[in-house]
């Protein structure tokens, strides 16, 4: 699928109705989600027949987009309101009239998944747009830690560009990834979402990362 066509589909993704500040809920913007998914589909694993876990799936932009491109997806989120919107997006964004998208959703706390649960969730690819850690320091690294125990091929994640050096070091030395590569630097145009936001829109520099999993023999 062409990038512009994918972005056009993702423009219809319904956002959070009442975002929860404690969860740092921000809808993944269509231009960011489309660039992430298009890169994975055309330059890396591809999505047709691929198993994908979307950690902290929110309203489902990344997960539903991956399902549209042919993946078998499981979206996980702690917020039942977000999951209700994600399920709605699964139906409303489906471009195929005679075929349901292969995506299911589970309510669970990503940070409290047991090792046994992570083993049962094993998937080729994990995609995640985690909280950046402005409300709970280090939560983005915790998402990455959980993802490292689920993915068998690669993890794709967004993180603030300002944390690049730390993330690369932590991913390789602590989490044991084989490779940690910044695929692209993107501008996250964050609209005013909460009362404490001063500006109508703020641009945040974010890195789109690919973490390659070390194959276990």
Protein backbone atom coordinates (compact mmCIF):
# COMPACT_ATOMS: atom_id res chain seq x y z
CA UNK A 1 0.00 0.00 0.00
CA UNK A 2 1.28 3.46 -0.85
CA UNK A 3 2.23 5.72 2.04
CA UNK A 4 -0.33 8.37 1.13
CA UNK A 5 -3.13 5.78 0.95
CA UNK A 6 -2.18 4.34 4.34
CA UNK A 7 -2.08 7.79 5.91
CA UNK A 8 -5.48 8.57 4.40
CA UNK A 9 -6.95 5.46 6.06
CA UNK A 10 -5.38 6.32 9.39
CA UNK A 11 -6.86 9.82 9.28
CA UNK A 12 -10.17 8.14 10.18
CA UNK A 13 -8.79 6.75 13.45
CA UNK A 14 -11.03 7.98 16.26
CA UNK A 15 -8.93 9.56 19.05
CA UNK A 16 -9.27 9.41 22.84
CA UNK A 17 -12.51 11.00 24.01
CA UNK A 18 -11.25 11.83 27.49
CA UNK A 19 -7.48 11.21 27.62
CA UNK A 20 -6.08 10.27 31.02
CA UNK A 21 -3.07 12.33 32.03
CA UNK A 22 -1.77 9.68 34.43
CA UNK A 23 -1.45 7.29 31.47
CA UNK A 24 0.09 9.98 29.24
CA UNK A 25 -2.52 9.25 26.59
CA UNK A 26 -1.88 10.91 23.24
CA UNK A 27 -3.26 9.56 19.99
CA UNK A 28 -0.54 8.48 17.56
CA UNK A 29 -0.78 11.04 14.77
CA UNK A 30 -1.71 9.63 11.31
CA UNK A 31 1.45 10.84 9.57
CA UNK A 32 3.63 9.23 12.26
CA UNK A 33 1.69 5.96 12.37
CA UNK A 34 1.70 5.67 8.58
CA UNK A 35 5.46 6.30 8.30
CA UNK A 36 6.19 3.70 11.00
CA UNK A 37 3.97 1.04 9.45
CA UNK A 38 5.07 1.77 5.88
CA UNK A 39 8.74 1.43 6.87
CA UNK A 40 8.19 -1.90 8.62
CA UNK A 41 6.11 -3.20 5.73
CA UNK A 42 8.49 -2.17 2.95
CA UNK A 43 11.97 -2.17 4.50
CA UNK A 44 11.91 -4.81 7.24
CA UNK A 45 9.71 -7.79 8.25
CA UNK A 46 6.60 -6.85 6.30
CA UNK A 47 3.14 -7.46 7.71
CA UNK A 48 1.48 -10.13 5.56
CA UNK A 49 1.25 -13.22 7.76
CA UNK A 50 3.31 -11.60 10.52
CA UNK A 51 2.25 -11.82 14.18
CA UNK A 52 2.27 -8.47 15.96
CA UNK A 53 1.69 -7.31 19.53
CA UNK A 54 0.81 -3.64 20.01
CA UNK A 55 1.80 -2.74 23.58
CA UNK A 56 -0.21 0.10 25.05
CA UNK A 57 -2.34 0.12 21.92
CA UNK A 58 -4.57 3.00 23.00
CA UNK A 59 -7.11 3.74 20.28
CA UNK A 60 -5.45 1.25 17.95
CA UNK A 61 -3.86 3.40 15.24
CA UNK A 62 -0.72 1.26 14.95
CA UNK A 63 -2.39 -2.09 15.56
CA UNK A 64 -5.33 -1.54 13.22
CA UNK A 65 -2.95 -0.16 10.61
CA UNK A 66 -0.78 -3.28 10.87
CA UNK A 67 -3.89 -5.48 10.51
CA UNK A 68 -4.93 -3.55 7.40
CA UNK A 69 -1.50 -4.38 5.96
CA UNK A 70 -2.03 -8.10 6.61
CA UNK A 71 -0.72 -8.80 10.10
CA UNK A 72 -2.30 -10.88 12.85
CA UNK A 73 -2.42 -8.42 15.73
CA UNK A 74 -3.06 -8.43 19.47
CA UNK A 75 -3.48 -5.02 21.09
CA UNK A 76 -2.92 -4.68 24.83
CA UNK A 77 -3.93 -1.72 26.97
CA UNK A 78 -4.86 -1.07 30.59
CA UNK A 79 -7.66 1.39 29.77
CA UNK A 80 -11.07 -0.07 28.95
CA UNK A 81 -12.25 3.24 27.46
CA UNK A 82 -9.34 3.25 25.01
CA UNK A 83 -10.02 -0.39 24.11
CA UNK A 84 -13.65 0.41 23.36
CA UNK A 85 -12.52 3.07 20.89
CA UNK A 86 -9.93 0.69 19.43
CA UNK A 87 -12.64 -1.91 18.80
CA UNK A 88 -14.74 0.76 17.11
CA UNK A 89 -11.78 1.75 14.95
CA UNK A 90 -11.25 -1.88 14.00
CA UNK A 91 -14.70 -1.91 12.41
CA UNK A 92 -14.84 1.62 11.02
CA UNK A 93 -11.33 1.69 9.50
CA UNK A 94 -11.54 -1.68 7.78
CA UNK A 95 -11.21 -1.04 4.03
CA UNK A 96 -12.29 -4.57 3.10
CA UNK A 97 -16.05 -5.14 2.81
CA UNK A 98 -16.03 -8.92 2.97
CA UNK A 99 -13.15 -9.63 5.35
CA UNK A 100 -12.68 -8.79 9.03
CA UNK A 101 -9.34 -7.44 10.20
CA UNK A 102 -7.22 -9.94 12.12
CA UNK A 103 -6.88 -7.99 15.34
CA UNK A 104 -8.02 -8.67 18.89
CA UNK A 105 -7.70 -6.65 22.07
CA UNK A 106 -6.91 -7.58 25.66
CA UNK A 107 -7.18 -5.43 28.75
CA UNK A 108 -4.01 -5.82 30.82
CA UNK A 109 -1.34 -3.76 32.53
CA UNK A 110 1.70 -3.96 30.26
CA UNK A 111 4.01 -3.39 33.23
CA UNK A 112 2.53 -6.30 35.19
CA UNK A 113 2.61 -9.04 32.56
CA UNK A 114 4.10 -12.16 34.11
CA UNK A 115 7.01 -13.96 32.41
CA UNK A 116 4.60 -16.80 31.61
CA UNK A 117 2.17 -14.40 29.97
CA UNK A 118 4.96 -12.83 27.93
CA UNK A 119 5.94 -16.29 26.72
CA UNK A 120 2.35 -16.96 25.61
CA UNK A 121 2.27 -13.61 23.80
CA UNK A 122 5.34 -14.38 21.67
CA UNK A 123 5.09 -12.59 18.32
CA UNK A 124 7.34 -11.79 15.39
CA UNK A 125 7.11 -8.06 16.00
CA UNK A 126 6.18 -5.73 18.84
CA UNK A 127 5.13 -2.18 18.05
CA UNK A 128 4.64 0.43 20.74
CA UNK A 129 4.22 4.14 21.24
CA UNK A 130 4.89 4.10 24.99
CA UNK A 131 4.39 6.90 27.49
CA UNK A 132 7.49 9.11 27.27
CA UNK A 133 7.91 9.08 31.04
CA UNK A 134 7.00 12.68 31.82
CA UNK A 135 4.54 11.55 34.52
CA UNK A 136 6.23 8.31 35.57
CA UNK A 137 9.97 8.38 35.00
CA UNK A 138 11.38 5.38 33.16
CA UNK A 139 8.04 3.93 32.05
CA UNK A 140 9.15 4.00 28.39
CA UNK A 141 12.09 1.77 29.27
CA UNK A 142 9.77 -0.59 31.13
CA UNK A 143 7.63 -0.92 28.01
CA UNK A 144 10.78 -1.70 26.04
CA UNK A 145 11.81 -4.30 28.62
CA UNK A 146 8.46 -6.07 28.32
CA UNK A 147 8.61 -5.87 24.52
CA UNK A 148 12.06 -7.49 24.53
CA UNK A 149 10.53 -10.58 26.16
CA UNK A 150 7.75 -10.88 23.57
CA UNK A 151 9.27 -10.13 20.16
CA UNK A 152 11.15 -12.87 18.31
CA UNK A 153 12.34 -10.64 15.46
CA UNK A 154 12.18 -6.93 16.30
CA UNK A 155 10.65 -4.22 18.45
CA UNK A 156 9.61 -0.88 16.97
CA UNK A 157 9.16 2.00 19.36
CA UNK A 158 9.04 5.79 19.67
CA UNK A 159 11.20 7.71 22.15
CA UNK A 160 12.21 11.31 22.65
CA UNK A 161 15.27 12.21 20.57
CA UNK A 162 16.82 13.82 23.64
CA UNK A 163 17.16 10.35 25.22
CA UNK A 164 18.84 8.71 22.21
CA UNK A 165 22.24 7.94 23.74
CA UNK A 166 20.76 6.48 26.90
CA UNK A 167 18.24 4.35 25.02
CA UNK A 168 20.83 2.85 22.71
CA UNK A 169 23.13 2.00 25.62
CA UNK A 170 20.30 0.57 27.73
CA UNK A 171 18.86 -1.45 24.84
CA UNK A 172 22.17 -3.11 23.99
CA UNK A 173 23.80 -3.53 27.39
CA UNK A 174 20.85 -4.02 29.72
CA UNK A 175 18.05 -5.44 27.59
CA UNK A 176 20.33 -7.52 25.37
CA UNK A 177 19.10 -6.50 21.92
CA UNK A 178 21.34 -7.48 19.03
CA UNK A 179 21.03 -4.08 17.34
CA UNK A 180 19.44 -0.72 18.18
CA UNK A 181 18.89 1.53 15.18
CA UNK A 182 17.17 4.88 14.75
CA UNK A 183 15.17 4.40 11.57
CA UNK A 184 13.99 8.02 11.40
CA UNK A 185 13.70 11.21 13.41
CA UNK A 186 10.13 12.46 13.37
CA UNK A 187 8.25 15.52 14.58
CA UNK A 188 5.45 14.63 16.97
CA UNK A 189 2.97 17.49 16.59
CA UNK A 190 1.29 17.25 19.98
CA UNK A 191 -2.00 19.17 20.13
CA UNK A 192 -3.16 20.77 23.38
CA UNK A 193 -4.67 17.84 25.25
CA UNK A 194 -4.55 18.66 28.95
CA UNK A 195 -5.23 21.80 30.98
CA UNK A 196 -1.57 22.28 31.87
CA UNK A 197 -0.61 22.55 28.19
CA UNK A 198 0.16 26.19 27.38
CA UNK A 199 0.40 26.01 23.58
CA UNK A 200 -2.20 24.97 21.03
CA UNK A 201 0.33 22.59 19.49
CA UNK A 202 3.87 21.56 20.44
CA UNK A 203 6.41 19.84 18.21
CA UNK A 204 8.47 17.17 19.95
CA UNK A 205 11.47 15.53 18.28
CA UNK A 206 11.04 11.76 18.53
CA UNK A 207 13.11 8.85 17.29
CA UNK A 208 11.53 5.88 15.53
CA UNK A 209 13.64 2.94 16.73
CA UNK A 210 14.12 -0.60 15.51
CA UNK A 211 15.50 -3.01 18.11
CA UNK A 212 16.60 -6.32 16.65
CA UNK A 213 16.16 -9.31 18.92
CA UNK A 214 19.10 -11.59 19.55
CA UNK A 215 18.02 -15.00 18.31
CA UNK A 216 17.97 -17.65 21.03
CA UNK A 217 19.33 -21.02 19.94
